[in-house]
Amino acid sequence: DVSVPMDAALKAWFQGLQKTGIEGNNSSSSSHPQVLAASKYLEASIQANLAWGVLNYEQDRSDRLIKASDYAKKALSVYDTTDDTVLGKEGLPRVLSIVASCYHQADSAVTAEGLFQSAIDRNSLAGANSTLTLLQIREAYLEYAKLCSQWEKREGDAKKLTEEANAINESLPPNWQGKSGLYGSLWFWTPGEML
């Protein structure tokens, strides 16, 4: 699904996380709220990527679910502590979906379902029609469908969720169709562009 070796990707994401921590503590960035907000959102994106990588590609780790959940919790906390008037809720569907996947793998299906429903709720997301947000929402539908397919008497729901994900996929530009939700977490701008 992803063409980058996960060991190298996890290492690069972890290094990026360390870098955002250093730059976030830099006093010159605190004078620019947009730069600080962008740094926080980048940190959330990296935390979510680390959670996703550990959850999906490190099955041999005994602490896999704990580690992934910790990264996901930190990613979600950014949305609670950052002024969303600067950048909005960009990336929130992906973070909610990853947190939900952690609950799913911890056998907390009801909590996971509530988080998946929040992740796919386009009414609460400004800019929900952007390509990256749609990619994230499509991925949330697919993960939600996995949950329902493993839940007794929810196969019909799983089928409907998969159909919804396929419809979103068809609405994406051709070069984005079929791409992993991971691509929805990559930012194609720099904090300097926000000034």
N, C-alpha and C. Protein backbone atom coordinates (compact mmCIF):
# COMPACT_ATOMS: atom_id res chain seq x y z
N ASP A 1 0.82 -1.20 0.00
CA ASP A 1 0.00 0.00 0.00
C ASP A 1 0.87 1.26 0.00
N VAL A 2 1.98 1.23 0.69
CA VAL A 2 2.85 2.40 0.75
C VAL A 2 4.22 1.97 0.22
N SER A 3 4.79 2.77 -0.68
CA SER A 3 6.03 2.36 -1.33
C SER A 3 7.29 2.72 -0.53
N VAL A 4 7.16 3.43 0.57
CA VAL A 4 8.31 3.80 1.40
C VAL A 4 8.50 2.72 2.46
N PRO A 5 9.75 2.21 2.63
CA PRO A 5 9.96 1.23 3.69
C PRO A 5 9.60 1.84 5.04
N MET A 6 8.81 1.12 5.85
CA MET A 6 8.31 1.70 7.09
C MET A 6 9.40 2.02 8.09
N ASP A 7 10.47 1.21 8.14
CA ASP A 7 11.55 1.53 9.08
C ASP A 7 12.12 2.91 8.80
N ALA A 8 12.39 3.19 7.53
CA ALA A 8 12.93 4.50 7.16
C ALA A 8 11.91 5.60 7.37
N ALA A 9 10.65 5.32 7.04
CA ALA A 9 9.60 6.33 7.21
C ALA A 9 9.40 6.66 8.68
N LEU A 10 9.32 5.65 9.53
CA LEU A 10 9.14 5.89 10.96
C LEU A 10 10.31 6.69 11.52
N LYS A 11 11.50 6.37 11.07
CA LYS A 11 12.69 7.11 11.53
C LYS A 11 12.60 8.57 11.09
N ALA A 12 12.24 8.81 9.84
CA ALA A 12 12.15 10.19 9.32
C ALA A 12 11.05 10.95 10.05
N TRP A 13 9.91 10.31 10.30
CA TRP A 13 8.82 10.99 11.02
C TRP A 13 9.24 11.33 12.44
N PHE A 14 9.94 10.40 13.09
CA PHE A 14 10.39 10.66 14.45
C PHE A 14 11.38 11.83 14.47
N GLN A 15 12.29 11.88 13.50
CA GLN A 15 13.23 13.00 13.41
C GLN A 15 12.48 14.30 13.14
N GLY A 16 11.45 14.26 12.31
CA GLY A 16 10.64 15.43 12.04
C GLY A 16 9.92 15.90 13.30
N LEU A 17 9.47 14.96 14.10
CA LEU A 17 8.80 15.29 15.36
C LEU A 17 9.77 16.00 16.29
N GLN A 18 11.00 15.51 16.36
CA GLN A 18 12.01 16.17 17.19
C GLN A 18 12.28 17.58 16.68
N LYS A 19 12.31 17.75 15.38
CA LYS A 19 12.57 19.06 14.78
C LYS A 19 11.43 20.04 15.09
N THR A 20 10.18 19.59 15.01
CA THR A 20 9.07 20.50 15.32
C THR A 20 9.11 20.91 16.78
N GLY A 21 9.57 20.02 17.65
CA GLY A 21 9.70 20.36 19.07
C GLY A 21 10.74 21.42 19.30
N ILE A 22 11.85 21.33 18.59
CA ILE A 22 12.92 22.33 18.72
C ILE A 22 12.45 23.66 18.20
N GLU A 23 11.84 23.67 17.00
CA GLU A 23 11.41 24.92 16.41
C GLU A 23 10.20 25.50 17.13
N GLY A 24 9.38 24.65 17.74
CA GLY A 24 8.23 25.14 18.49
C GLY A 24 8.65 25.89 19.74
N ASN A 25 9.83 25.53 20.28
CA ASN A 25 10.35 26.21 21.46
C ASN A 25 11.15 27.46 21.12
N ASN A 26 11.37 27.71 19.85
CA ASN A 26 12.11 28.87 19.39
C ASN A 26 11.27 30.13 19.65
N SER A 27 11.84 31.09 20.35
CA SER A 27 11.08 32.28 20.75
C SER A 27 10.64 33.12 19.56
N SER A 28 11.36 33.09 18.45
CA SER A 28 10.97 33.90 17.30
C SER A 28 9.68 33.39 16.65
N SER A 29 9.40 32.08 16.77
CA SER A 29 8.18 31.54 16.17
C SER A 29 6.94 31.93 16.98
N SER A 30 7.12 32.23 18.28
CA SER A 30 5.97 32.55 19.10
C SER A 30 5.37 33.90 18.75
N SER A 31 6.13 34.73 18.04
CA SER A 31 5.60 36.04 17.66
C SER A 31 4.71 35.94 16.42
N HIS A 32 4.66 34.81 15.78
CA HIS A 32 3.83 34.59 14.60
C HIS A 32 2.85 33.46 14.89
N PRO A 33 1.61 33.78 15.24
CA PRO A 33 0.65 32.72 15.60
C PRO A 33 0.41 31.72 14.48
N GLN A 34 0.49 32.18 13.22
CA GLN A 34 0.29 31.25 12.11
C GLN A 34 1.40 30.22 12.04
N VAL A 35 2.63 30.66 12.27
CA VAL A 35 3.76 29.73 12.24
C VAL A 35 3.66 28.74 13.38
N LEU A 36 3.30 29.24 14.56
CA LEU A 36 3.16 28.36 15.71
C LEU A 36 2.04 27.34 15.48
N ALA A 37 0.90 27.80 14.95
CA ALA A 37 -0.21 26.89 14.67
C ALA A 37 0.18 25.86 13.62
N ALA A 38 0.87 26.30 12.57
CA ALA A 38 1.30 25.37 11.52
C ALA A 38 2.27 24.34 12.09
N SER A 39 3.15 24.78 12.98
CA SER A 39 4.09 23.85 13.61
C SER A 39 3.35 22.82 14.45
N LYS A 40 2.32 23.25 15.17
CA LYS A 40 1.53 22.33 15.99
C LYS A 40 0.78 21.32 15.11
N TYR A 41 0.20 21.80 14.02
CA TYR A 41 -0.52 20.90 13.13
C TYR A 41 0.43 19.92 12.43
N LEU A 42 1.62 20.40 12.11
CA LEU A 42 2.62 19.50 11.52
C LEU A 42 3.01 18.44 12.55
N GLU A 43 3.16 18.86 13.79
CA GLU A 43 3.45 17.91 14.86
C GLU A 43 2.33 16.87 14.98
N ALA A 44 1.08 17.31 14.92
CA ALA A 44 -0.05 16.38 14.99
C ALA A 44 -0.02 15.40 13.82
N SER A 45 0.30 15.90 12.64
CA SER A 45 0.36 15.05 11.46
C SER A 45 1.46 13.99 11.61
N ILE A 46 2.60 14.41 12.12
CA ILE A 46 3.70 13.45 12.31
C ILE A 46 3.32 12.43 13.38
N GLN A 47 2.71 12.90 14.48
CA GLN A 47 2.29 11.96 15.54
C GLN A 47 1.30 10.93 14.96
N ALA A 48 0.36 11.42 14.15
CA ALA A 48 -0.62 10.51 13.53
C ALA A 48 0.06 9.52 12.59
N ASN A 49 1.04 9.99 11.82
CA ASN A 49 1.77 9.09 10.93
C ASN A 49 2.53 8.02 11.71
N LEU A 50 3.14 8.43 12.83
CA LEU A 50 3.84 7.45 13.66
C LEU A 50 2.85 6.41 14.21
N ALA A 51 1.70 6.88 14.69
CA ALA A 51 0.69 5.95 15.20
C ALA A 51 0.26 4.98 14.11
N TRP A 52 -0.02 5.52 12.92
CA TRP A 52 -0.44 4.69 11.79
C TRP A 52 0.62 3.66 11.44
N GLY A 53 1.88 4.09 11.38
CA GLY A 53 2.97 3.17 11.03
C GLY A 53 3.15 2.06 12.05
N VAL A 54 3.14 2.41 13.32
CA VAL A 54 3.29 1.41 14.38
C VAL A 54 2.09 0.46 14.37
N LEU A 55 0.90 1.01 14.24
CA LEU A 55 -0.33 0.21 14.27
C LEU A 55 -0.39 -0.79 13.11
N ASN A 56 0.05 -0.36 11.95
CA ASN A 56 -0.11 -1.20 10.75
C ASN A 56 1.11 -1.98 10.32
N TYR A 57 2.30 -1.58 10.78
CA TYR A 57 3.50 -2.22 10.24
C TYR A 57 4.46 -2.75 11.29
N GLU A 58 4.11 -2.70 12.54
CA GLU A 58 5.02 -3.21 13.57
C GLU A 58 4.32 -4.25 14.43
N GLN A 59 3.75 -5.26 13.77
CA GLN A 59 3.01 -6.29 14.47
C GLN A 59 3.88 -7.09 15.45
N ASP A 60 5.19 -7.08 15.26
CA ASP A 60 6.07 -7.86 16.12
C ASP A 60 6.37 -7.16 17.45
N ARG A 61 5.97 -5.90 17.60
CA ARG A 61 6.19 -5.17 18.85
C ARG A 61 5.17 -5.60 19.90
N SER A 62 5.63 -5.93 21.08
CA SER A 62 4.69 -6.31 22.14
C SER A 62 3.91 -5.10 22.66
N ASP A 63 4.49 -3.91 22.53
CA ASP A 63 3.84 -2.69 23.01
C ASP A 63 3.23 -1.87 21.87
N ARG A 64 2.97 -2.53 20.75
CA ARG A 64 2.51 -1.85 19.54
C ARG A 64 1.26 -1.00 19.78
N LEU A 65 0.25 -1.56 20.38
CA LEU A 65 -1.00 -0.84 20.58
C LEU A 65 -0.83 0.31 21.57
N ILE A 66 -0.05 0.09 22.60
CA ILE A 66 0.21 1.16 23.58
C ILE A 66 0.96 2.30 22.92
N LYS A 67 1.98 1.98 22.15
CA LYS A 67 2.79 3.01 21.49
C LYS A 67 1.95 3.77 20.46
N ALA A 68 1.21 3.06 19.64
CA ALA A 68 0.36 3.70 18.63
C ALA A 68 -0.68 4.59 19.30
N SER A 69 -1.28 4.09 20.37
CA SER A 69 -2.28 4.88 21.09
C SER A 69 -1.69 6.14 21.68
N ASP A 70 -0.47 6.06 22.18
CA ASP A 70 0.19 7.23 22.74
C ASP A 70 0.42 8.29 21.67
N TYR A 71 0.93 7.87 20.51
CA TYR A 71 1.13 8.81 19.40
C TYR A 71 -0.21 9.42 18.97
N ALA A 72 -1.23 8.59 18.86
CA ALA A 72 -2.55 9.07 18.42
C ALA A 72 -3.14 10.05 19.43
N LYS A 73 -2.98 9.76 20.71
CA LYS A 73 -3.47 10.66 21.76
C LYS A 73 -2.79 12.03 21.66
N LYS A 74 -1.48 12.02 21.44
CA LYS A 74 -0.74 13.28 21.32
C LYS A 74 -1.20 14.06 20.08
N ALA A 75 -1.46 13.35 19.00
CA ALA A 75 -1.94 14.02 17.77
C ALA A 75 -3.29 14.67 18.03
N LEU A 76 -4.17 13.95 18.69
CA LEU A 76 -5.51 14.49 18.96
C LEU A 76 -5.45 15.66 19.93
N SER A 77 -4.53 15.63 20.86
CA SER A 77 -4.44 16.71 21.85
C SER A 77 -4.09 18.05 21.20
N VAL A 78 -3.42 18.02 20.06
CA VAL A 78 -3.08 19.27 19.36
C VAL A 78 -4.35 20.02 18.98
N TYR A 79 -5.37 19.29 18.58
CA TYR A 79 -6.62 19.94 18.17
C TYR A 79 -7.37 20.53 19.36
N ASP A 80 -7.08 20.02 20.56
CA ASP A 80 -7.70 20.57 21.76
C ASP A 80 -6.98 21.81 22.27
N THR A 81 -5.70 21.95 21.91
CA THR A 81 -4.89 23.03 22.48
C THR A 81 -4.53 24.13 21.49
N THR A 82 -4.90 23.99 20.23
CA THR A 82 -4.52 24.96 19.22
C THR A 82 -5.74 25.76 18.77
N ASP A 83 -5.55 27.04 18.58
CA ASP A 83 -6.61 27.92 18.09
C ASP A 83 -6.95 27.54 16.66
N ASP A 84 -8.14 26.97 16.46
CA ASP A 84 -8.49 26.48 15.13
C ASP A 84 -9.00 27.58 14.20
N THR A 85 -8.95 28.82 14.61
CA THR A 85 -9.31 29.90 13.68
C THR A 85 -8.18 30.16 12.70
N VAL A 86 -6.97 29.69 13.02
CA VAL A 86 -5.82 29.92 12.14
C VAL A 86 -5.82 28.92 10.98
N LEU A 87 -5.90 27.63 11.30
CA LEU A 87 -5.82 26.60 10.25
C LEU A 87 -7.05 25.71 10.18
N GLY A 88 -8.01 25.88 11.04
CA GLY A 88 -9.20 25.06 11.01
C GLY A 88 -8.93 23.66 11.53
N LYS A 89 -9.68 22.70 11.02
CA LYS A 89 -9.58 21.31 11.47
C LYS A 89 -8.89 20.43 10.43
N GLU A 90 -8.01 21.03 9.65
CA GLU A 90 -7.28 20.27 8.64
C GLU A 90 -6.58 19.08 9.29
N GLY A 91 -6.79 17.90 8.76
CA GLY A 91 -6.14 16.69 9.25
C GLY A 91 -6.90 15.98 10.36
N LEU A 92 -7.96 16.60 10.91
CA LEU A 92 -8.68 15.98 12.01
C LEU A 92 -9.33 14.64 11.62
N PRO A 93 -9.92 14.49 10.42
CA PRO A 93 -10.50 13.18 10.09
C PRO A 93 -9.49 12.04 10.18
N ARG A 94 -8.28 12.29 9.75
CA ARG A 94 -7.24 11.26 9.80
C ARG A 94 -6.88 10.92 11.24
N VAL A 95 -6.71 11.95 12.06
CA VAL A 95 -6.35 11.71 13.45
C VAL A 95 -7.46 10.94 14.17
N LEU A 96 -8.70 11.37 13.98
CA LEU A 96 -9.83 10.66 14.61
C LEU A 96 -9.91 9.21 14.15
N SER A 97 -9.66 8.99 12.87
CA SER A 97 -9.70 7.63 12.32
C SER A 97 -8.60 6.76 12.92
N ILE A 98 -7.43 7.33 13.12
CA ILE A 98 -6.33 6.56 13.71
C ILE A 98 -6.61 6.26 15.18
N VAL A 99 -7.13 7.24 15.90
CA VAL A 99 -7.52 6.98 17.30
C VAL A 99 -8.58 5.88 17.33
N ALA A 100 -9.56 5.96 16.42
CA ALA A 100 -10.61 4.94 16.34
C ALA A 100 -10.01 3.56 16.04
N SER A 101 -9.03 3.52 15.16
CA SER A 101 -8.39 2.24 14.83
C SER A 101 -7.69 1.64 16.05
N CYS A 102 -7.11 2.50 16.87
CA CYS A 102 -6.49 2.01 18.11
C CYS A 102 -7.54 1.38 19.02
N TYR A 103 -8.68 2.06 19.16
CA TYR A 103 -9.77 1.50 19.97
C TYR A 103 -10.29 0.21 19.35
N HIS A 104 -10.39 0.18 18.03
CA HIS A 104 -10.86 -1.04 17.34
C HIS A 104 -9.94 -2.21 17.67
N GLN A 105 -8.64 -1.98 17.57
CA GLN A 105 -7.69 -3.06 17.83
C GLN A 105 -7.61 -3.42 19.32
N ALA A 106 -8.10 -2.51 20.18
CA ALA A 106 -8.15 -2.80 21.61
C ALA A 106 -9.50 -3.43 21.99
N ASP A 107 -10.31 -3.78 20.97
CA ASP A 107 -11.61 -4.41 21.16
C ASP A 107 -12.63 -3.51 21.87
N SER A 108 -12.53 -2.22 21.63
CA SER A 108 -13.51 -1.26 22.14
C SER A 108 -14.32 -0.74 20.95
N ALA A 109 -15.16 -1.62 20.43
CA ALA A 109 -15.86 -1.34 19.17
C ALA A 109 -16.79 -0.14 19.25
N VAL A 110 -17.50 0.03 20.35
CA VAL A 110 -18.47 1.12 20.45
C VAL A 110 -17.75 2.47 20.45
N THR A 111 -16.66 2.59 21.19
CA THR A 111 -15.88 3.83 21.20
C THR A 111 -15.29 4.08 19.81
N ALA A 112 -14.76 3.03 19.20
CA ALA A 112 -14.20 3.16 17.85
C ALA A 112 -15.25 3.65 16.87
N GLU A 113 -16.46 3.11 16.97
CA GLU A 113 -17.52 3.52 16.05
C GLU A 113 -17.83 5.01 16.20
N GLY A 114 -17.93 5.50 17.42
CA GLY A 114 -18.21 6.92 17.64
C GLY A 114 -17.13 7.80 17.05
N LEU A 115 -15.88 7.40 17.19
CA LEU A 115 -14.78 8.17 16.62
C LEU A 115 -14.79 8.12 15.10
N PHE A 116 -15.08 6.97 14.53
CA PHE A 116 -15.19 6.88 13.07
C PHE A 116 -16.32 7.77 12.56
N GLN A 117 -17.44 7.78 13.26
CA GLN A 117 -18.55 8.62 12.84
C GLN A 117 -18.17 10.10 12.88
N SER A 118 -17.39 10.50 13.89
CA SER A 118 -16.91 11.89 13.94
C SER A 118 -15.95 12.17 12.79
N ALA A 119 -15.12 11.20 12.45
CA ALA A 119 -14.14 11.39 11.39
C ALA A 119 -14.80 11.59 10.02
N ILE A 120 -15.95 10.96 9.81
CA ILE A 120 -16.60 11.05 8.49
C ILE A 120 -17.69 12.11 8.45
N ASP A 121 -17.89 12.84 9.53
CA ASP A 121 -18.92 13.88 9.60
C ASP A 121 -18.46 15.13 8.87
N ARG A 122 -18.82 15.25 7.61
CA ARG A 122 -18.40 16.38 6.78
C ARG A 122 -19.04 17.69 7.21
N ASN A 123 -20.19 17.64 7.86
CA ASN A 123 -20.87 18.86 8.29
C ASN A 123 -20.05 19.64 9.31
N SER A 124 -19.24 18.94 10.10
CA SER A 124 -18.45 19.62 11.13
C SER A 124 -17.08 20.04 10.62
N LEU A 125 -16.79 19.76 9.35
CA LEU A 125 -15.47 20.05 8.81
C LEU A 125 -15.55 21.14 7.74
N ALA A 126 -14.92 22.27 8.01
CA ALA A 126 -14.82 23.30 6.97
C ALA A 126 -13.83 22.80 5.93
N GLY A 127 -14.11 23.01 4.68
CA GLY A 127 -13.20 22.57 3.62
C GLY A 127 -13.20 21.08 3.41
N ALA A 128 -14.31 20.42 3.74
CA ALA A 128 -14.36 18.95 3.63
C ALA A 128 -14.33 18.47 2.19
N ASN A 129 -14.35 19.38 1.24
CA ASN A 129 -14.30 18.96 -0.15
C ASN A 129 -12.91 19.09 -0.75
N SER A 130 -11.91 19.42 0.06
CA SER A 130 -10.55 19.47 -0.47
C SER A 130 -10.08 18.04 -0.73
N THR A 131 -9.19 17.89 -1.67
CA THR A 131 -8.71 16.55 -2.05
C THR A 131 -8.11 15.81 -0.87
N LEU A 132 -7.27 16.48 -0.09
CA LEU A 132 -6.61 15.79 1.02
C LEU A 132 -7.62 15.39 2.10
N THR A 133 -8.58 16.26 2.38
CA THR A 133 -9.59 15.91 3.39
C THR A 133 -10.47 14.77 2.90
N LEU A 134 -10.85 14.80 1.64
CA LEU A 134 -11.65 13.69 1.09
C LEU A 134 -10.87 12.37 1.14
N LEU A 135 -9.57 12.43 0.89
CA LEU A 135 -8.74 11.24 0.98
C LEU A 135 -8.75 10.69 2.40
N GLN A 136 -8.66 11.59 3.38
CA GLN A 136 -8.70 11.17 4.78
C GLN A 136 -10.06 10.59 5.15
N ILE A 137 -11.13 11.23 4.69
CA ILE A 137 -12.48 10.76 4.99
C ILE A 137 -12.72 9.40 4.34
N ARG A 138 -12.24 9.23 3.10
CA ARG A 138 -12.39 7.94 2.43
C ARG A 138 -11.70 6.83 3.22
N GLU A 139 -10.51 7.14 3.72
CA GLU A 139 -9.77 6.16 4.52
C GLU A 139 -10.53 5.83 5.81
N ALA A 140 -11.15 6.84 6.42
CA ALA A 140 -11.95 6.62 7.63
C ALA A 140 -13.13 5.69 7.33
N TYR A 141 -13.79 5.91 6.18
CA TYR A 141 -14.89 5.02 5.78
C TYR A 141 -14.40 3.58 5.65
N LEU A 142 -13.24 3.39 5.04
CA LEU A 142 -12.72 2.04 4.85
C LEU A 142 -12.38 1.37 6.18
N GLU A 143 -11.79 2.13 7.09
CA GLU A 143 -11.47 1.57 8.41
C GLU A 143 -12.74 1.28 9.20
N TYR A 144 -13.72 2.15 9.09
CA TYR A 144 -15.01 1.94 9.74
C TYR A 144 -15.68 0.69 9.18
N ALA A 145 -15.56 0.48 7.89
CA ALA A 145 -16.12 -0.72 7.26
C ALA A 145 -15.45 -1.98 7.80
N LYS A 146 -14.14 -1.92 8.04
CA LYS A 146 -13.44 -3.08 8.63
C LYS A 146 -14.02 -3.40 10.01
N LEU A 147 -14.26 -2.36 10.79
CA LEU A 147 -14.84 -2.56 12.12
C LEU A 147 -16.20 -3.24 12.00
N CYS A 148 -17.04 -2.72 11.13
CA CYS A 148 -18.39 -3.28 10.99
C CYS A 148 -18.36 -4.70 10.45
N SER A 149 -17.42 -5.01 9.58
CA SER A 149 -17.35 -6.36 9.01
C SER A 149 -16.98 -7.40 10.07
N GLN A 150 -16.35 -6.96 11.14
CA GLN A 150 -15.98 -7.88 12.22
C GLN A 150 -17.01 -7.90 13.35
N TRP A 151 -18.03 -7.11 13.19
CA TRP A 151 -19.06 -6.96 14.22
C TRP A 151 -20.28 -7.77 13.79
N GLU A 152 -20.82 -8.55 14.68
CA GLU A 152 -21.94 -9.41 14.36
C GLU A 152 -23.13 -8.59 13.84
N LYS A 153 -23.70 -9.06 12.74
CA LYS A 153 -24.89 -8.46 12.11
C LYS A 153 -24.65 -7.04 11.61
N ARG A 154 -23.41 -6.70 11.26
CA ARG A 154 -23.12 -5.36 10.74
C ARG A 154 -22.50 -5.43 9.35
N GLU A 155 -22.61 -6.59 8.70
CA GLU A 155 -22.03 -6.74 7.37
C GLU A 155 -22.67 -5.78 6.37
N GLY A 156 -23.98 -5.54 6.51
CA GLY A 156 -24.68 -4.60 5.63
C GLY A 156 -24.13 -3.19 5.78
N ASP A 157 -23.84 -2.80 7.02
CA ASP A 157 -23.24 -1.49 7.26
C ASP A 157 -21.85 -1.41 6.64
N ALA A 158 -21.09 -2.49 6.78
CA ALA A 158 -19.75 -2.52 6.20
C ALA A 158 -19.81 -2.33 4.69
N LYS A 159 -20.79 -2.98 4.06
CA LYS A 159 -20.95 -2.85 2.60
C LYS A 159 -21.30 -1.41 2.22
N LYS A 160 -22.22 -0.78 2.96
CA LYS A 160 -22.60 0.61 2.67
C LYS A 160 -21.42 1.57 2.87
N LEU A 161 -20.65 1.35 3.91
CA LEU A 161 -19.48 2.20 4.17
C LEU A 161 -18.43 2.05 3.07
N THR A 162 -18.24 0.83 2.61
CA THR A 162 -17.30 0.59 1.51
C THR A 162 -17.78 1.26 0.24
N GLU A 163 -19.09 1.19 -0.02
CA GLU A 163 -19.65 1.87 -1.20
C GLU A 163 -19.46 3.38 -1.10
N GLU A 164 -19.64 3.93 0.08
CA GLU A 164 -19.43 5.37 0.29
C GLU A 164 -17.96 5.73 0.05
N ALA A 165 -17.05 4.90 0.54
CA ALA A 165 -15.62 5.12 0.32
C ALA A 165 -15.30 5.08 -1.18
N ASN A 166 -15.91 4.12 -1.89
CA ASN A 166 -15.69 4.01 -3.33
C ASN A 166 -16.22 5.24 -4.07
N ALA A 167 -17.36 5.77 -3.61
CA ALA A 167 -17.92 6.98 -4.24
C ALA A 167 -16.99 8.17 -4.03
N ILE A 168 -16.44 8.28 -2.84
CA ILE A 168 -15.48 9.37 -2.58
C ILE A 168 -14.25 9.17 -3.46
N ASN A 169 -13.79 7.94 -3.56
CA ASN A 169 -12.63 7.65 -4.39
C ASN A 169 -12.86 8.09 -5.83
N GLU A 170 -14.05 7.81 -6.36
CA GLU A 170 -14.39 8.20 -7.74
C GLU A 170 -14.45 9.72 -7.91
N SER A 171 -14.75 10.45 -6.83
CA SER A 171 -14.83 11.91 -6.92
C SER A 171 -13.47 12.58 -6.84
N LEU A 172 -12.45 11.82 -6.46
CA LEU A 172 -11.10 12.38 -6.35
C LEU A 172 -10.50 12.58 -7.74
N PRO A 173 -9.57 13.52 -7.86
CA PRO A 173 -8.85 13.65 -9.14
C PRO A 173 -8.18 12.31 -9.49
N PRO A 174 -8.06 11.99 -10.78
CA PRO A 174 -7.53 10.68 -11.18
C PRO A 174 -6.21 10.28 -10.52
N ASN A 175 -5.29 11.21 -10.35
CA ASN A 175 -3.99 10.87 -9.75
C ASN A 175 -4.09 10.54 -8.27
N TRP A 176 -5.21 10.87 -7.64
CA TRP A 176 -5.38 10.61 -6.21
C TRP A 176 -6.23 9.38 -5.94
N GLN A 177 -6.90 8.87 -6.94
CA GLN A 177 -7.78 7.71 -6.73
C GLN A 177 -6.96 6.49 -6.35
N GLY A 178 -7.42 5.80 -5.32
CA GLY A 178 -6.76 4.59 -4.87
C GLY A 178 -5.54 4.82 -3.99
N LYS A 179 -5.19 6.06 -3.73
CA LYS A 179 -4.02 6.34 -2.88
C LYS A 179 -4.36 6.04 -1.43
N SER A 180 -3.33 5.69 -0.68
CA SER A 180 -3.49 5.45 0.75
C SER A 180 -3.88 6.74 1.45
N GLY A 181 -4.60 6.60 2.56
CA GLY A 181 -4.94 7.76 3.38
C GLY A 181 -3.72 8.45 3.94
N LEU A 182 -2.60 7.76 3.95
CA LEU A 182 -1.36 8.36 4.41
C LEU A 182 -1.03 9.61 3.61
N TYR A 183 -1.33 9.59 2.31
CA TYR A 183 -1.05 10.75 1.47
C TYR A 183 -1.84 11.97 1.93
N GLY A 184 -2.97 11.76 2.56
CA GLY A 184 -3.77 12.87 3.07
C GLY A 184 -3.13 13.58 4.23
N SER A 185 -2.09 12.98 4.82
CA SER A 185 -1.42 13.61 5.95
C SER A 185 -0.21 14.41 5.53
N LEU A 186 0.15 14.34 4.26
CA LEU A 186 1.33 15.05 3.79
C LEU A 186 0.95 16.48 3.42
N TRP A 187 1.72 17.42 3.85
CA TRP A 187 1.42 18.83 3.60
C TRP A 187 2.25 19.31 2.43
N PHE A 188 1.61 19.97 1.51
CA PHE A 188 2.29 20.46 0.31
C PHE A 188 2.49 21.96 0.38
N TRP A 189 2.70 22.47 1.57
CA TRP A 189 2.98 23.88 1.80
C TRP A 189 3.90 23.97 3.00
N THR A 190 4.49 25.12 3.18
CA THR A 190 5.37 25.33 4.33
C THR A 190 4.74 26.37 5.24
N PRO A 191 5.13 26.38 6.51
CA PRO A 191 4.57 27.39 7.41
C PRO A 191 4.79 28.82 6.91
N GLY A 192 5.89 29.07 6.18
CA GLY A 192 6.14 30.40 5.65
C GLY A 192 5.08 30.88 4.67
N GLU A 193 4.39 29.95 4.02
CA GLU A 193 3.35 30.32 3.07
C GLU A 193 2.11 30.83 3.78
N MET A 194 2.02 30.60 5.10
CA MET A 194 0.86 31.03 5.85
C MET A 194 0.98 32.49 6.29
N LEU A 195 2.14 33.08 6.15
CA LEU A 195 2.34 34.47 6.61
C LEU A 195 1.84 35.47 5.60
